[in-house]
Structure formats: structure tokens, C-alpha cells
Amino acid sequence: MFSVRYKGARPTLVLTGGTVVPSVITVVDGDGNTIAEYEARPAVKRITSRLLPDDQNDLACATPDCKPISLTR
């Protein structure tokens, strides 16, 4: 089942009671005419500071040559 949840002014589709998501979502008007189609793509993984280890030395290589990087500004 799909429902719409708003985060501020931005609508978000919420899927409950299933294990798959359709690859295309069709939008229709009140008369049933197709007015838009949205194609699904994988979500971008977002990294937040909550996902970082307490000791940043525990991080794996961030660059191909394993040069250290700074996670602070």
C-alpha cells in the first residue's frame, strides 16, 4: 500500500505491507488520464556523523591509494 507523507512541503511516498517497489509509478488525474510517470532509481546512501566510528582511525581506506583524509573542516 502506498501513502503520501509530507516532509515540510516535499511529498514522500511511503510503502507498507510489501517487499518490492514498482519500477514505474503512474500519476493519473481525477478522470483516470495519465499525466505523469516516475521511474524508480536506487536511493543515494547518505552518510551522517552518526555513522562514523568514535575513533576515525577505524575507518577503511577512503581513497584508492589509502591516503588519509580529514572528516572535519
N, C-alpha and C. Protein backbone atom coordinates (compact mmCIF):
# COMPACT_ATOMS: atom_id res chain seq x y z
N MET A 1 0.84 -1.17 0.00
CA MET A 1 0.00 0.00 0.00
C MET A 1 0.90 1.24 0.00
N PHE A 2 0.56 2.20 -0.83
CA PHE A 2 1.26 3.47 -0.88
C PHE A 2 0.48 4.52 -0.10
N SER A 3 1.20 5.39 0.55
CA SER A 3 0.60 6.58 1.14
C SER A 3 1.58 7.72 0.92
N VAL A 4 1.11 8.93 1.11
CA VAL A 4 1.94 10.12 0.92
C VAL A 4 2.16 10.77 2.28
N ARG A 5 3.41 11.04 2.59
CA ARG A 5 3.78 11.75 3.81
C ARG A 5 4.53 13.00 3.39
N TYR A 6 4.21 14.09 4.01
CA TYR A 6 4.88 15.35 3.67
C TYR A 6 5.96 15.67 4.69
N LYS A 7 7.15 15.99 4.18
CA LYS A 7 8.25 16.49 5.00
C LYS A 7 8.39 17.95 4.62
N GLY A 8 7.78 18.81 5.40
CA GLY A 8 7.68 20.21 5.01
C GLY A 8 6.74 20.29 3.82
N ALA A 9 7.18 20.87 2.73
CA ALA A 9 6.35 20.95 1.52
C ALA A 9 6.67 19.84 0.53
N ARG A 10 7.55 18.92 0.91
CA ARG A 10 8.01 17.88 -0.02
C ARG A 10 7.28 16.56 0.23
N PRO A 11 6.53 16.07 -0.78
CA PRO A 11 5.83 14.80 -0.59
C PRO A 11 6.79 13.61 -0.69
N THR A 12 6.55 12.60 0.13
CA THR A 12 7.34 11.38 0.12
C THR A 12 6.38 10.20 0.06
N LEU A 13 6.64 9.26 -0.84
CA LEU A 13 5.81 8.06 -0.90
C LEU A 13 6.27 7.08 0.17
N VAL A 14 5.31 6.48 0.85
CA VAL A 14 5.61 5.51 1.90
C VAL A 14 4.99 4.19 1.48
N LEU A 15 5.78 3.13 1.43
CA LEU A 15 5.31 1.81 1.05
C LEU A 15 5.22 0.95 2.30
N THR A 16 4.07 0.33 2.52
CA THR A 16 3.90 -0.57 3.67
C THR A 16 3.28 -1.87 3.18
N GLY A 17 3.57 -2.94 3.89
CA GLY A 17 2.93 -4.22 3.59
C GLY A 17 3.43 -4.90 2.34
N GLY A 18 4.69 -4.78 2.02
CA GLY A 18 5.22 -5.45 0.84
C GLY A 18 6.72 -5.59 0.90
N THR A 19 7.25 -6.29 -0.09
CA THR A 19 8.70 -6.50 -0.13
C THR A 19 9.33 -5.97 -1.41
N VAL A 20 8.53 -5.44 -2.33
CA VAL A 20 9.05 -4.90 -3.58
C VAL A 20 8.45 -3.53 -3.83
N VAL A 21 9.13 -2.76 -4.68
CA VAL A 21 8.67 -1.43 -5.06
C VAL A 21 8.54 -1.42 -6.58
N PRO A 22 7.45 -0.88 -7.13
CA PRO A 22 7.33 -0.83 -8.59
C PRO A 22 8.41 0.06 -9.19
N SER A 23 8.86 -0.31 -10.40
CA SER A 23 9.91 0.47 -11.04
C SER A 23 9.36 1.74 -11.68
N VAL A 24 8.06 1.77 -11.99
CA VAL A 24 7.43 2.97 -12.56
C VAL A 24 6.15 3.24 -11.78
N ILE A 25 5.96 4.48 -11.38
CA ILE A 25 4.74 4.91 -10.70
C ILE A 25 4.01 5.87 -11.64
N THR A 26 2.77 5.52 -11.97
CA THR A 26 1.97 6.33 -12.87
C THR A 26 1.06 7.25 -12.07
N VAL A 27 0.99 8.51 -12.49
CA VAL A 27 0.13 9.50 -11.84
C VAL A 27 -1.03 9.78 -12.78
N VAL A 28 -2.26 9.72 -12.25
CA VAL A 28 -3.45 9.99 -13.06
C VAL A 28 -4.23 11.14 -12.45
N ASP A 29 -5.02 11.81 -13.30
CA ASP A 29 -5.89 12.87 -12.80
C ASP A 29 -7.22 12.26 -12.35
N GLY A 30 -8.15 13.10 -11.96
CA GLY A 30 -9.44 12.63 -11.46
C GLY A 30 -10.25 11.83 -12.46
N ASP A 31 -9.98 12.01 -13.76
CA ASP A 31 -10.69 11.27 -14.81
C ASP A 31 -9.97 9.98 -15.19
N GLY A 32 -8.82 9.71 -14.57
CA GLY A 32 -8.06 8.49 -14.87
C GLY A 32 -7.07 8.65 -16.00
N ASN A 33 -6.88 9.86 -16.49
CA ASN A 33 -5.90 10.11 -17.56
C ASN A 33 -4.50 10.17 -16.98
N THR A 34 -3.57 9.49 -17.62
CA THR A 34 -2.17 9.53 -17.19
C THR A 34 -1.61 10.92 -17.43
N ILE A 35 -1.06 11.51 -16.37
CA ILE A 35 -0.47 12.85 -16.51
C ILE A 35 1.03 12.86 -16.23
N ALA A 36 1.54 11.78 -15.62
CA ALA A 36 2.98 11.71 -15.35
C ALA A 36 3.35 10.28 -15.00
N GLU A 37 4.62 9.97 -15.19
CA GLU A 37 5.18 8.70 -14.74
C GLU A 37 6.53 8.99 -14.10
N TYR A 38 6.77 8.34 -12.99
CA TYR A 38 8.04 8.48 -12.28
C TYR A 38 8.75 7.14 -12.28
N GLU A 39 10.01 7.15 -12.68
CA GLU A 39 10.80 5.92 -12.72
C GLU A 39 11.68 5.85 -11.48
N ALA A 40 11.65 4.69 -10.83
CA ALA A 40 12.43 4.50 -9.61
C ALA A 40 13.91 4.34 -9.94
N ARG A 41 14.75 4.76 -9.01
CA ARG A 41 16.19 4.55 -9.08
C ARG A 41 16.65 4.24 -7.66
N PRO A 42 17.78 3.58 -7.50
CA PRO A 42 18.26 3.30 -6.15
C PRO A 42 18.49 4.59 -5.36
N ALA A 43 18.15 4.56 -4.11
CA ALA A 43 18.37 5.73 -3.25
C ALA A 43 19.86 5.94 -3.03
N VAL A 44 20.24 7.19 -2.92
CA VAL A 44 21.63 7.54 -2.63
C VAL A 44 21.87 7.29 -1.14
N LYS A 45 22.96 6.57 -0.84
CA LYS A 45 23.28 6.33 0.56
C LYS A 45 23.82 7.62 1.16
N ARG A 46 23.20 8.08 2.20
CA ARG A 46 23.62 9.31 2.85
C ARG A 46 24.46 8.99 4.08
N ILE A 47 25.60 9.62 4.19
CA ILE A 47 26.49 9.40 5.32
C ILE A 47 26.33 10.55 6.29
N THR A 48 26.06 10.23 7.52
CA THR A 48 25.95 11.26 8.55
C THR A 48 26.99 10.98 9.61
N SER A 49 27.23 11.95 10.45
CA SER A 49 28.23 11.78 11.51
C SER A 49 27.84 10.64 12.44
N ARG A 50 26.55 10.30 12.52
CA ARG A 50 26.14 9.19 13.39
C ARG A 50 26.68 7.86 12.90
N LEU A 51 27.03 7.77 11.60
CA LEU A 51 27.53 6.53 11.05
C LEU A 51 29.04 6.39 11.20
N LEU A 52 29.72 7.45 11.59
CA LEU A 52 31.17 7.38 11.72
C LEU A 52 31.55 6.72 13.03
N PRO A 53 32.64 5.94 13.04
CA PRO A 53 33.08 5.35 14.29
C PRO A 53 33.60 6.42 15.25
N ASP A 54 33.57 6.11 16.54
CA ASP A 54 34.08 7.05 17.54
C ASP A 54 35.54 7.39 17.25
N ASP A 55 36.31 6.38 16.88
CA ASP A 55 37.72 6.58 16.55
C ASP A 55 37.84 6.56 15.03
N GLN A 56 38.09 7.72 14.42
CA GLN A 56 38.14 7.79 12.97
C GLN A 56 39.32 7.02 12.39
N ASN A 57 40.24 6.56 13.22
CA ASN A 57 41.33 5.71 12.73
C ASN A 57 40.81 4.32 12.36
N ASP A 58 39.59 3.98 12.78
CA ASP A 58 39.00 2.69 12.44
C ASP A 58 38.39 2.68 11.04
N LEU A 59 38.40 3.83 10.35
CA LEU A 59 37.83 3.89 9.01
C LEU A 59 38.68 3.11 8.03
N ALA A 60 38.03 2.49 7.05
CA ALA A 60 38.76 1.81 5.98
C ALA A 60 39.31 2.86 5.03
N CYS A 61 40.07 2.43 4.05
CA CYS A 61 40.66 3.36 3.07
C CYS A 61 39.57 4.13 2.36
N ALA A 62 39.73 5.42 2.29
CA ALA A 62 38.74 6.26 1.63
C ALA A 62 39.14 6.58 0.20
N THR A 63 40.41 6.43 -0.11
CA THR A 63 40.89 6.69 -1.46
C THR A 63 41.63 5.45 -1.95
N PRO A 64 41.74 5.26 -3.26
CA PRO A 64 42.40 4.06 -3.79
C PRO A 64 43.83 3.85 -3.27
N ASP A 65 44.55 4.94 -3.03
CA ASP A 65 45.93 4.79 -2.55
C ASP A 65 46.02 4.85 -1.02
N CYS A 66 44.90 4.85 -0.34
CA CYS A 66 44.83 4.84 1.12
C CYS A 66 45.46 6.06 1.78
N LYS A 67 45.44 7.19 1.09
CA LYS A 67 45.92 8.42 1.73
C LYS A 67 44.91 8.84 2.77
N PRO A 68 45.35 9.32 3.92
CA PRO A 68 44.41 9.74 4.94
C PRO A 68 43.61 10.97 4.49
N ILE A 69 42.39 11.04 4.96
CA ILE A 69 41.55 12.19 4.67
C ILE A 69 41.09 12.79 5.99
N SER A 70 40.68 14.02 5.95
CA SER A 70 40.16 14.67 7.14
C SER A 70 38.64 14.72 7.03
N LEU A 71 37.95 14.37 8.10
CA LEU A 71 36.50 14.42 8.10
C LEU A 71 35.97 15.67 8.79
N THR A 72 36.88 16.58 9.08
CA THR A 72 36.48 17.86 9.69
C THR A 72 36.84 18.98 8.74
N ARG A 73 36.26 20.14 8.97
CA ARG A 73 36.58 21.28 8.10
C ARG A 73 37.73 22.05 8.66
